[in-house]
Amino acid sequence: MDEDAESSTTGTCVRAAKRSGNLDRLSKLPDCLLCQILLKLPTKDVVKTGVLSSRWGNLWRYVPGLDLRYGDFPEYKAFMCFVDRFLGFNSESCLQNFKLNYQYVRVKYEWKWDDLDNANVARWINTVVNRKVEHLHILDGKWCEYEVQIPPAVYTCDSLVSLKLSDVSFTTPKSVSLPSLKVMYLDMVKFANDWSFEMLISGCPVLESLTIKRSACDNVDYLRVCSQSLLSFTLMGHCNEDIDEEQVVAIDAPKLENLKLYCHETASFVINNSASLVKTTIDVLFNLSFEKGRFDPNDLPKRNMIRNFLLGISSVKEMDISSDTLEVIYNYSRCERLPLFRNLSSLHVDFGDYRWEMLPVFLESCPNLKSLSLGFSKTPGEEPISILLGPHCNLPSLEFVDIVKPMVEEEATEMKLMSYFLENSPILKKLTLRLGNFRGKENESAFLRKLLTVPRLSSSCQVVIC
């Protein structure tokens, strides 16, 4: 929407509000409450409220937060002047939010960035730290040689509750003390070394949520997350398979409840004190990509690492796992017995192909599984692994099976999968196959007739095709 259209829309809304009397009702609220309401909006929208009346004209200046995108301004100088004016007004008051996002995609304005621009950002950060900022979000998407370096004042900001950073760099701090920080989000952040990252985490005694999106040049080979307060941890690896270092991730968080790992390049995971784990999402390859070599049964250190990793997550109750990880587990199971996942009651598996035959091996280690959902997508490319078929054991606790996507081109394989659950689940209550619009009614009816001939171990099982 262009500026003229936005102004027209704003004017229309104001006139409608005046006719209905809503404007007067809103204006009766005290300034402090209005400012808290406006705090939920982007700053460019807050400024527009100045056209409502003379009272609203300068109200935006008192809102205890700034939320701006660089692309909201026609040029950098205008942006810089606006931020300076805002921070200079009411400068003795505390600031709740300071959010700058220069991940703009507009190409109309091509600004040249240099060290001076980054110095301004660092200066603004120092200013808001002095004003006891609670939520600091700096999203840098320039992807150029100049990086915003986080100033030392941030390391000891006792008011910070959430910290969200993208494409910035950290130096090695003398000390870190962030006593109020509960949420940290680090996207493509560069550290001086392993120790600087570890210091950052150890200096957050009440940290509850940590999300890390790694870059190939973050300078951290041994990523250690040691926290007595952490409840949720998400780690996304980079996509550079040319990295030769054996990257390690070590997690020691006794209160951790939610763990998400999306890391194909990380070679080793060490998980300790995970008895509180409730949910986990696992998409890891332990650096065993097709280019770097498949699982080697004679690689004892790798086997030990995988065994310890599985033991580390074995107390989980709900799991979402990729077929890539399931393949590694299947290959490992041909060498050693899998640990039992006694608490696992809900499992979702995303298959990048139709090789569901890997699944029963893992299900045998889940004696109390109640709910299972499967998703399938046909991906051409890699040669499939050789799967050794064995006798299928019963699934004594399984009650619900939900197959989210059909095997459109593999009806025989799909029928084998359905038969596996119907013939081996003594207390199965419901099996759902979500076909959507992938098959015509005639083909669907034929498939259903075949399915009705499959013997069922559970006399109360309901089969639903939708």
Protein backbone atom coordinates (compact mmCIF):
# COMPACT_ATOMS: atom_id res chain seq x y z
CA MET A 1 0.00 0.00 0.00
CA ASP A 2 1.41 3.42 -0.97
CA GLU A 3 1.48 6.48 1.31
CA ASP A 4 -1.54 8.18 -0.30
CA ALA A 5 -3.62 5.06 0.11
CA GLU A 6 -2.51 4.70 3.73
CA SER A 7 -3.43 8.33 4.48
CA SER A 8 -6.82 7.89 2.86
CA THR A 9 -7.46 4.74 4.88
CA THR A 10 -6.39 6.46 8.10
CA GLY A 11 -8.67 9.43 7.41
CA THR A 12 -11.61 7.15 6.68
CA CYS A 13 -11.05 5.27 9.95
CA VAL A 14 -10.84 8.54 11.91
CA ARG A 15 -14.11 9.86 10.42
CA ALA A 16 -15.85 6.55 11.11
CA ALA A 17 -14.58 6.57 14.69
CA LYS A 18 -15.85 10.13 15.22
CA ARG A 19 -19.32 9.24 13.93
CA SER A 20 -19.55 6.18 16.19
CA GLY A 21 -18.18 7.91 19.26
CA ASN A 22 -15.36 5.36 19.64
CA LEU A 23 -12.72 8.07 19.25
CA ASP A 24 -13.98 9.95 22.32
CA ARG A 25 -14.09 6.77 24.37
CA LEU A 26 -10.51 5.95 23.42
CA SER A 27 -9.38 9.49 24.13
CA LYS A 28 -10.70 9.27 27.68
CA LEU A 29 -8.06 6.67 28.54
CA PRO A 30 -5.04 8.00 30.46
CA ASP A 31 -1.84 8.59 28.50
CA CYS A 32 0.02 5.84 30.32
CA LEU A 33 -2.55 3.24 29.21
CA LEU A 34 -2.65 4.57 25.65
CA CYS A 35 1.13 4.33 25.45
CA GLN A 36 1.04 0.69 26.55
CA ILE A 37 -1.52 -0.03 23.82
CA LEU A 38 0.56 1.76 21.20
CA LEU A 39 3.62 -0.16 22.35
CA LYS A 40 2.16 -3.23 20.62
CA LEU A 41 2.28 -1.51 17.20
CA PRO A 42 5.20 -0.80 14.84
CA THR A 43 6.46 2.75 15.32
CA LYS A 44 5.45 3.86 11.81
CA ASP A 45 1.83 3.02 12.69
CA VAL A 46 2.11 4.69 16.08
CA VAL A 47 3.26 7.95 14.45
CA LYS A 48 0.22 7.92 12.16
CA THR A 49 -2.09 8.21 15.18
CA GLY A 50 -0.92 11.82 15.47
CA VAL A 51 -3.61 12.81 12.92
CA LEU A 52 -6.43 11.78 15.27
CA SER A 53 -6.44 14.97 17.35
CA SER A 54 -4.17 17.56 18.92
CA ARG A 55 -3.86 15.36 22.00
CA TRP A 56 -2.49 12.51 19.91
CA GLY A 57 -0.09 14.73 18.01
CA ASN A 58 2.98 14.07 20.16
CA LEU A 59 1.76 11.06 22.11
CA TRP A 60 3.95 8.73 20.06
CA ARG A 61 7.03 10.33 21.60
CA TYR A 62 6.04 9.01 25.04
CA VAL A 63 5.55 5.39 23.92
CA PRO A 64 8.27 3.43 25.78
CA GLY A 65 9.46 1.56 22.74
CA LEU A 66 10.77 1.85 19.20
CA ASP A 67 10.07 -0.74 16.51
CA LEU A 68 11.42 0.29 13.10
CA ARG A 69 12.46 -1.16 9.76
CA TYR A 70 15.09 0.66 7.74
CA GLY A 71 12.88 0.22 4.68
CA ASP A 72 10.26 2.49 6.28
CA PHE A 73 12.39 5.52 5.36
CA PRO A 74 13.40 6.90 1.95
CA GLU A 75 17.02 7.37 3.00
CA TYR A 76 19.38 6.50 5.79
CA LYS A 77 19.79 10.08 7.00
CA ALA A 78 16.05 10.39 7.62
CA PHE A 79 16.11 7.13 9.56
CA MET A 80 19.09 8.22 11.66
CA CYS A 81 17.54 11.61 12.48
CA PHE A 82 14.26 9.98 13.51
CA VAL A 83 15.93 7.54 15.91
CA ASP A 84 18.11 10.29 17.41
CA ARG A 85 15.09 12.55 17.95
CA PHE A 86 13.09 9.76 19.57
CA LEU A 87 15.89 8.72 21.92
CA GLY A 88 16.64 12.33 22.77
CA PHE A 89 13.05 13.06 23.81
CA ASN A 90 12.05 12.06 27.35
CA SER A 91 15.56 10.64 27.71
CA GLU A 92 15.31 10.06 31.47
CA SER A 93 12.47 7.54 31.17
CA CYS A 94 12.90 3.77 30.96
CA LEU A 95 12.48 2.07 27.60
CA GLN A 96 10.71 -1.26 27.27
CA ASN A 97 11.40 -2.14 23.63
CA PHE A 98 14.08 -1.24 21.12
CA LYS A 99 13.76 -3.12 17.86
CA LEU A 100 15.67 -2.31 14.67
CA ASN A 101 15.23 -4.41 11.58
CA TYR A 102 17.33 -3.70 8.53
CA GLN A 103 16.60 -6.93 6.73
CA TYR A 104 14.70 -4.93 4.14
CA VAL A 105 14.09 -6.34 0.65
CA ARG A 106 13.23 -3.12 -1.15
CA VAL A 107 15.75 -2.26 -3.89
CA LYS A 108 14.40 1.22 -4.55
CA TYR A 109 16.82 2.71 -2.02
CA GLU A 110 20.36 1.39 -2.17
CA TRP A 111 22.19 2.72 0.82
CA LYS A 112 25.91 2.36 1.21
CA TRP A 113 26.79 1.03 4.63
CA ASP A 114 30.08 1.66 6.37
CA ASP A 115 31.62 1.67 9.82
CA LEU A 116 29.98 5.01 10.61
CA ASP A 117 26.51 3.52 10.22
CA ASN A 118 27.38 0.61 12.49
CA ALA A 119 28.83 3.06 15.01
CA ASN A 120 25.44 4.77 15.14
CA VAL A 121 23.72 1.45 15.89
CA ALA A 122 26.24 0.76 18.67
CA ARG A 123 25.65 4.26 20.04
CA TRP A 124 21.88 3.70 20.07
CA ILE A 125 22.32 0.37 21.84
CA ASN A 126 24.40 2.04 24.56
CA THR A 127 21.71 4.70 24.93
CA VAL A 128 18.84 2.23 25.38
CA VAL A 129 20.88 0.11 27.80
CA ASN A 130 21.29 3.23 29.93
CA ARG A 131 17.51 3.67 29.74
CA LYS A 132 16.97 0.18 31.19
CA VAL A 133 15.68 -1.44 28.01
CA GLU A 134 13.86 -4.75 28.54
CA HIS A 135 13.58 -6.12 25.00
CA LEU A 136 16.47 -5.50 22.60
CA HIS A 137 16.11 -6.80 19.03
CA ILE A 138 18.75 -5.98 16.41
CA LEU A 139 18.19 -7.73 13.09
CA ASP A 140 21.00 -7.05 10.65
CA GLY A 141 20.47 -8.39 7.15
CA LYS A 142 23.00 -6.39 5.12
CA TRP A 143 25.21 -9.42 4.40
CA CYS A 144 28.23 -7.24 3.75
CA GLU A 145 31.71 -6.84 5.18
CA TYR A 146 30.59 -4.40 7.84
CA GLU A 147 29.11 -5.92 10.98
CA VAL A 148 27.49 -4.38 13.98
CA GLN A 149 29.59 -5.28 17.00
CA ILE A 150 27.56 -5.58 20.17
CA PRO A 151 28.93 -3.02 22.66
CA PRO A 152 30.17 -4.25 26.07
CA ALA A 153 27.32 -2.48 27.91
CA VAL A 154 24.91 -5.19 26.72
CA TYR A 155 26.84 -7.89 28.61
CA THR A 156 25.93 -6.36 31.96
CA CYS A 157 22.44 -4.97 31.29
CA ASP A 158 20.45 -5.97 34.35
CA SER A 159 17.10 -4.92 32.82
CA LEU A 160 17.20 -7.10 29.69
CA VAL A 161 14.41 -9.70 29.52
CA SER A 162 14.73 -10.72 25.85
CA LEU A 163 17.63 -10.39 23.43
CA LYS A 164 17.18 -11.08 19.71
CA LEU A 165 20.17 -10.58 17.43
CA SER A 166 20.84 -11.35 13.77
CA ASP A 167 24.07 -11.04 11.78
CA VAL A 168 26.00 -9.24 14.50
CA SER A 169 29.25 -10.10 16.25
CA PHE A 170 30.28 -10.61 19.87
CA THR A 171 33.71 -9.94 21.28
CA THR A 172 35.10 -11.83 24.25
CA PRO A 173 33.64 -10.02 27.25
CA LYS A 174 35.46 -9.46 30.53
CA SER A 175 32.34 -10.64 32.30
CA VAL A 176 28.68 -11.35 31.59
CA SER A 177 25.84 -10.60 33.98
CA LEU A 178 22.31 -10.64 32.57
CA PRO A 179 20.26 -11.42 35.69
CA SER A 180 16.83 -10.81 34.10
CA LEU A 181 17.32 -12.33 30.63
CA LYS A 182 14.78 -15.09 29.91
CA VAL A 183 14.67 -15.26 26.10
CA MET A 184 17.64 -15.25 23.73
CA TYR A 185 17.52 -15.61 19.94
CA LEU A 186 20.80 -15.67 18.02
CA ASP A 187 20.65 -15.80 14.22
CA MET A 188 23.93 -16.02 12.28
CA VAL A 189 25.80 -14.39 15.17
CA LYS A 190 29.60 -14.42 15.10
CA PHE A 191 31.58 -15.03 18.29
CA ALA A 192 35.24 -14.49 19.00
CA ASN A 193 35.67 -18.14 20.04
CA ASP A 194 34.04 -21.03 21.92
CA TRP A 195 34.67 -19.40 25.28
CA SER A 196 32.87 -16.15 24.43
CA PHE A 197 29.69 -18.09 23.64
CA GLU A 198 29.97 -20.18 26.78
CA MET A 199 30.44 -17.04 28.89
CA LEU A 200 27.31 -15.50 27.38
CA ILE A 201 25.16 -18.48 28.33
CA SER A 202 26.65 -18.92 31.79
CA GLY A 203 25.97 -15.24 32.56
CA CYS A 204 22.19 -15.73 32.18
CA PRO A 205 21.02 -17.37 35.44
CA VAL A 206 17.27 -17.25 34.60
CA LEU A 207 17.43 -18.03 30.86
CA GLU A 208 14.40 -20.07 29.82
CA SER A 209 14.35 -20.05 26.01
CA LEU A 210 17.38 -20.20 23.71
CA THR A 211 17.28 -20.34 19.90
CA ILE A 212 20.43 -20.48 17.79
CA LYS A 213 20.65 -20.39 14.01
CA ARG A 214 24.26 -21.09 13.23
CA SER A 215 26.43 -19.76 10.42
CA ALA A 216 29.42 -21.51 8.91
CA CYS A 217 31.71 -18.79 10.28
CA ASP A 218 30.42 -18.35 13.82
CA ASN A 219 33.86 -19.37 15.19
CA VAL A 220 32.33 -21.92 17.58
CA ASP A 221 33.44 -25.53 17.13
CA TYR A 222 32.46 -26.79 20.58
CA LEU A 223 29.07 -25.29 21.36
CA ARG A 224 28.39 -25.85 25.05
CA VAL A 225 24.96 -24.99 26.49
CA CYS A 226 25.14 -25.34 30.25
CA SER A 227 22.15 -23.82 32.07
CA GLN A 228 20.32 -24.63 35.29
CA SER A 229 17.21 -22.68 34.21
CA LEU A 230 16.79 -23.45 30.49
CA LEU A 231 13.37 -24.87 29.51
CA SER A 232 13.48 -24.69 25.70
CA PHE A 233 16.42 -25.00 23.31
CA THR A 234 16.33 -24.86 19.49
CA LEU A 235 19.45 -25.31 17.38
CA MET A 236 19.53 -24.93 13.59
CA GLY A 237 22.75 -25.80 11.83
CA HIS A 238 24.31 -24.11 8.84
CA CYS A 239 24.18 -25.57 5.33
CA ASN A 240 27.91 -25.58 4.54
CA GLU A 241 29.05 -29.17 4.10
CA ASP A 242 32.62 -28.07 3.31
CA ILE A 243 33.42 -27.51 6.99
CA ASP A 244 36.10 -30.00 8.00
CA GLU A 245 36.04 -29.41 11.75
CA GLU A 246 34.28 -32.01 13.86
CA GLN A 247 31.74 -29.69 15.44
CA VAL A 248 30.37 -30.73 18.81
CA VAL A 249 27.23 -29.67 20.67
CA ALA A 250 27.08 -30.34 24.41
CA ILE A 251 23.85 -29.73 26.35
CA ASP A 252 23.62 -29.84 30.13
CA ALA A 253 20.25 -28.42 31.21
CA PRO A 254 18.46 -30.37 33.97
CA LYS A 255 15.17 -28.45 33.57
CA LEU A 256 15.04 -28.69 29.77
CA GLU A 257 11.56 -29.63 28.53
CA ASN A 258 11.62 -28.84 24.81
CA LEU A 259 14.58 -29.69 22.56
CA LYS A 260 14.72 -29.08 18.80
CA LEU A 261 17.78 -30.02 16.76
CA TYR A 262 18.10 -29.39 13.02
CA CYS A 263 21.80 -30.03 12.39
CA HIS A 264 23.10 -32.27 9.64
CA GLU A 265 26.69 -31.00 9.87
CA THR A 266 27.22 -31.38 13.62
CA ALA A 267 29.33 -34.49 14.14
CA SER A 268 28.70 -35.13 17.82
CA PHE A 269 26.01 -34.43 20.39
CA VAL A 270 26.49 -34.79 24.12
CA ILE A 271 23.31 -34.58 26.19
CA ASN A 272 23.40 -34.77 30.00
CA ASN A 273 20.82 -34.35 32.76
CA SER A 274 17.79 -34.62 30.45
CA ALA A 275 15.31 -36.34 32.78
CA SER A 276 12.83 -33.43 32.43
CA LEU A 277 12.61 -33.67 28.63
CA VAL A 278 9.01 -33.63 27.36
CA LYS A 279 9.17 -32.78 23.64
CA THR A 280 11.93 -33.19 21.12
CA THR A 281 12.28 -32.58 17.39
CA ILE A 282 15.25 -34.38 15.86
CA ASP A 283 16.66 -33.87 12.37
CA VAL A 284 20.33 -34.76 12.69
CA LEU A 285 22.79 -36.78 10.60
CA PHE A 286 25.86 -36.68 12.86
CA ASN A 287 27.79 -35.42 9.82
CA LEU A 288 27.08 -38.70 7.99
CA SER A 289 25.93 -37.13 4.73
CA PHE A 290 26.10 -38.96 1.41
CA GLU A 291 29.16 -36.92 0.38
CA LYS A 292 31.11 -37.62 3.58
CA GLY A 293 30.33 -41.29 3.90
CA ARG A 294 27.57 -43.41 5.33
CA PHE A 295 27.42 -44.97 8.75
CA ASP A 296 30.49 -47.14 9.36
CA PRO A 297 29.79 -50.06 11.73
CA ASN A 298 33.51 -50.20 12.57
CA ASP A 299 33.62 -46.58 13.73
CA LEU A 300 33.38 -47.28 17.47
CA PRO A 301 33.62 -43.63 18.64
CA LYS A 302 30.70 -42.71 16.37
CA ARG A 303 28.69 -45.69 17.58
CA ASN A 304 29.33 -44.74 21.19
CA MET A 305 28.31 -41.17 20.52
CA ILE A 306 25.03 -42.24 18.87
CA ARG A 307 24.27 -44.63 21.74
CA ASN A 308 24.88 -41.90 24.32
CA PHE A 309 22.79 -39.44 22.30
CA LEU A 310 19.84 -41.86 22.20
CA LEU A 311 20.20 -42.51 25.91
CA GLY A 312 20.27 -38.75 26.46
CA ILE A 313 16.84 -38.28 24.86
CA SER A 314 15.32 -41.62 25.96
CA SER A 315 13.16 -40.04 28.67
CA VAL A 316 11.20 -37.90 26.19
CA LYS A 317 7.40 -38.16 25.98
CA GLU A 318 6.70 -36.63 22.56
CA MET A 319 9.02 -36.91 19.55
CA ASP A 320 9.13 -35.56 16.01
CA ILE A 321 11.86 -37.24 13.97
CA SER A 322 13.03 -37.04 10.35
CA SER A 323 13.58 -40.07 8.16
CA ASP A 324 17.25 -39.03 7.79
CA THR A 325 17.75 -39.47 11.52
CA LEU A 326 15.66 -42.64 11.49
CA GLU A 327 18.00 -44.04 8.83
CA VAL A 328 21.03 -43.44 11.04
CA ILE A 329 19.23 -45.09 13.96
CA TYR A 330 18.28 -48.03 11.76
CA ASN A 331 21.89 -48.51 10.63
CA TYR A 332 23.07 -48.25 14.23
CA SER A 333 20.47 -50.87 15.30
CA ARG A 334 22.14 -53.40 13.01
CA CYS A 335 25.21 -53.15 15.25
CA GLU A 336 23.75 -52.61 18.71
CA ARG A 337 20.39 -52.84 20.43
CA LEU A 338 18.52 -49.57 20.74
CA PRO A 339 17.80 -48.16 24.21
CA LEU A 340 14.18 -48.21 25.34
CA PHE A 341 12.07 -45.06 25.12
CA ARG A 342 9.74 -46.04 27.94
CA ASN A 343 8.07 -42.63 28.33
CA LEU A 344 7.43 -42.01 24.64
CA SER A 345 3.68 -41.82 24.04
CA SER A 346 3.47 -39.70 20.86
CA LEU A 347 5.66 -39.96 17.75
CA HIS A 348 5.64 -38.16 14.40
CA VAL A 349 7.91 -39.20 11.54
CA ASP A 350 8.52 -37.21 8.35
CA PHE A 351 9.63 -39.49 5.52
CA GLY A 352 11.50 -37.96 2.60
CA ASP A 353 10.70 -41.13 0.68
CA TYR A 354 8.56 -44.23 1.09
CA ARG A 355 10.99 -46.43 3.07
CA TRP A 356 8.70 -46.98 6.03
CA GLU A 357 10.30 -50.40 6.64
CA MET A 358 12.89 -48.62 8.83
CA LEU A 359 10.14 -47.72 11.26
CA PRO A 360 9.34 -51.06 12.99
CA VAL A 361 12.90 -51.35 14.31
CA PHE A 362 12.49 -48.08 16.17
CA LEU A 363 8.93 -48.83 17.28
CA GLU A 364 10.14 -51.95 19.05
CA SER A 365 12.05 -49.70 21.44
CA CYS A 366 8.88 -47.69 22.27
CA PRO A 367 6.84 -50.07 24.47
CA ASN A 368 4.31 -47.45 25.62
CA LEU A 369 3.67 -45.57 22.38
CA LYS A 370 0.01 -44.56 22.05
CA SER A 371 -0.15 -42.15 19.11
CA LEU A 372 1.77 -42.27 15.81
CA SER A 373 1.56 -39.91 12.82
CA LEU A 374 3.44 -40.28 9.56
CA GLY A 375 4.08 -37.91 6.67
CA PHE A 376 5.42 -38.93 3.26
CA SER A 377 6.93 -37.01 0.36
CA LYS A 378 8.63 -38.53 -2.64
CA THR A 379 12.09 -37.00 -3.13
CA PRO A 380 14.14 -38.26 -6.08
CA GLY A 381 17.89 -38.38 -5.79
CA GLU A 382 19.78 -40.46 -3.25
CA GLU A 383 20.07 -44.18 -3.57
CA PRO A 384 17.89 -45.86 -0.93
CA ILE A 385 19.57 -47.91 1.76
CA SER A 386 19.12 -51.66 1.85
CA ILE A 387 16.55 -52.54 4.50
CA LEU A 388 16.70 -56.00 6.05
CA LEU A 389 13.15 -57.11 6.69
CA GLY A 390 12.52 -59.15 9.81
CA PRO A 391 9.49 -60.39 11.73
CA HIS A 392 7.20 -57.58 12.86
CA CYS A 393 6.56 -57.53 16.58
CA ASN A 394 3.27 -56.51 18.11
CA LEU A 395 2.60 -52.90 18.98
CA PRO A 396 0.96 -53.53 22.36
CA SER A 397 0.11 -49.95 23.35
CA LEU A 398 -0.61 -48.25 20.01
CA GLU A 399 -4.09 -46.68 19.91
CA PHE A 400 -4.02 -44.07 17.14
CA VAL A 401 -2.29 -43.95 13.75
CA ASP A 402 -2.59 -40.94 11.45
CA ILE A 403 -1.00 -41.07 7.99
CA VAL A 404 -0.94 -37.45 6.91
CA LYS A 405 0.13 -37.76 3.28
CA PRO A 406 -0.49 -40.71 0.98
CA MET A 407 1.99 -42.62 -1.13
CA VAL A 408 0.38 -41.50 -4.35
CA GLU A 409 2.52 -43.61 -6.68
CA GLU A 410 3.04 -46.58 -4.35
CA GLU A 411 -0.35 -48.11 -3.55
CA ALA A 412 1.13 -51.54 -2.85
CA THR A 413 3.64 -50.06 -0.40
CA GLU A 414 0.87 -48.05 1.21
CA MET A 415 -1.25 -51.18 1.63
CA LYS A 416 1.68 -52.97 3.30
CA LEU A 417 2.01 -50.08 5.73
CA MET A 418 -1.68 -50.11 6.62
CA SER A 419 -1.61 -53.90 6.99
CA TYR A 420 1.37 -53.66 9.32
CA PHE A 421 -0.57 -51.53 11.79
CA LEU A 422 -3.85 -53.43 11.50
CA GLU A 423 -2.25 -56.85 11.92
CA ASN A 424 0.12 -55.97 14.78
CA SER A 425 -1.82 -53.56 17.04
CA PRO A 426 -4.08 -55.39 19.52
CA ILE A 427 -5.70 -52.26 21.04
CA LEU A 428 -5.68 -49.97 17.99
CA LYS A 429 -8.73 -47.67 18.15
CA LYS A 430 -8.41 -45.56 15.01
CA LEU A 431 -6.33 -45.60 11.84
CA THR A 432 -6.69 -42.51 9.64
CA LEU A 433 -5.44 -42.20 6.08
CA ARG A 434 -5.63 -38.63 4.76
CA LEU A 435 -5.85 -38.92 0.99
CA GLY A 436 -7.15 -35.42 0.30
CA ASN A 437 -7.64 -34.90 -3.43
CA PHE A 438 -4.79 -37.13 -4.50
CA ARG A 439 -7.06 -39.97 -5.65
CA GLY A 440 -10.36 -40.06 -7.47
CA LYS A 441 -13.44 -41.53 -5.80
CA GLU A 442 -13.23 -44.69 -7.91
CA ASN A 443 -9.62 -45.41 -6.94
CA GLU A 444 -10.39 -44.54 -3.33
CA SER A 445 -13.27 -47.02 -3.25
CA ALA A 446 -11.11 -49.78 -4.73
CA PHE A 447 -8.40 -49.10 -2.17
CA LEU A 448 -10.94 -49.20 0.66
CA ARG A 449 -12.31 -52.54 -0.53
CA LYS A 450 -8.80 -54.02 -0.44
CA LEU A 451 -8.23 -52.55 2.99
CA LEU A 452 -11.38 -54.19 4.34
CA THR A 453 -9.93 -57.60 3.52
CA VAL A 454 -6.91 -57.05 5.78
CA PRO A 455 -7.25 -58.97 9.06
CA ARG A 456 -7.27 -56.81 12.19
CA LEU A 457 -5.81 -57.74 15.53
CA SER A 458 -8.02 -55.17 17.25
CA SER A 459 -11.75 -55.87 17.05
CA SER A 460 -12.64 -52.24 17.85
CA CYS A 461 -10.39 -50.53 15.32
CA GLN A 462 -11.98 -47.82 13.18
CA VAL A 463 -10.46 -47.12 9.75
CA VAL A 464 -11.05 -43.61 8.38
CA ILE A 465 -10.14 -42.42 4.91
CA CYS A 466 -10.51 -38.70 4.30
